[in-house]
Amino acid sequence: MVYLIWGIVMVVCFYSLAFGVTLWKQKNKPGSIVVILLSITSIILPYFTYVK
């Protein structure tokens, strides 16, 4: 079950990072920074809530 949770988290994180890079290329730097920070948070948050 733990591997399933981490797999889903990684897929969401990679998707969010790709969206952040797309925003960066479209010259939307503030939005890109926010999306990248949220994707980093999505990696850290499950560690404290689901996986102990």
Protein backbone atom coordinates (compact mmCIF):
# COMPACT_ATOMS: atom_id res chain seq x y z
CA MET A 1 0.00 0.00 0.00
CA VAL A 2 2.86 2.36 0.77
CA TYR A 3 4.31 1.82 -2.71
CA LEU A 4 0.97 2.63 -4.29
CA ILE A 5 0.74 5.91 -2.37
CA TRP A 6 4.29 6.93 -3.32
CA GLY A 7 3.68 5.95 -6.95
CA ILE A 8 0.60 8.15 -7.15
CA VAL A 9 2.42 11.00 -5.43
CA MET A 10 5.31 10.79 -7.90
CA VAL A 11 2.95 10.81 -10.90
CA VAL A 12 1.17 13.90 -9.59
CA CYS A 13 4.50 15.56 -8.81
CA PHE A 14 5.97 14.90 -12.26
CA TYR A 15 2.79 16.17 -13.91
CA SER A 16 2.88 19.34 -11.79
CA LEU A 17 6.56 19.92 -12.51
CA ALA A 18 5.93 19.56 -16.24
CA PHE A 19 3.12 22.09 -15.98
CA GLY A 20 5.44 24.45 -14.09
CA VAL A 21 8.06 24.15 -16.82
CA THR A 22 5.40 24.87 -19.43
CA LEU A 23 4.37 28.01 -17.55
CA TRP A 24 8.02 29.06 -17.29
CA LYS A 25 8.44 28.73 -21.06
CA GLN A 26 5.32 30.85 -21.59
CA LYS A 27 6.93 33.67 -19.56
CA ASN A 28 4.59 33.21 -16.58
CA LYS A 29 7.31 33.09 -13.96
CA PRO A 30 5.25 33.80 -10.78
CA GLY A 31 2.71 31.12 -11.67
CA SER A 32 5.49 28.70 -12.48
CA ILE A 33 7.19 29.25 -9.13
CA VAL A 34 3.93 28.64 -7.27
CA VAL A 35 3.20 25.43 -9.20
CA ILE A 36 6.73 24.10 -8.61
CA LEU A 37 6.50 24.88 -4.88
CA LEU A 38 3.15 23.09 -4.70
CA SER A 39 4.61 20.04 -6.42
CA ILE A 40 7.47 19.98 -3.90
CA THR A 41 4.88 20.22 -1.13
CA SER A 42 3.00 17.30 -2.67
CA ILE A 43 6.13 15.19 -2.23
CA ILE A 44 6.63 16.15 1.41
CA LEU A 45 3.03 16.16 2.66
CA PRO A 46 2.19 12.43 2.27
CA TYR A 47 5.25 11.55 4.30
CA PHE A 48 3.75 13.25 7.34
CA THR A 49 0.12 12.20 6.80
CA TYR A 50 0.03 8.69 5.31
CA VAL A 51 3.46 7.17 5.68
CA LYS A 52 4.75 7.12 9.23
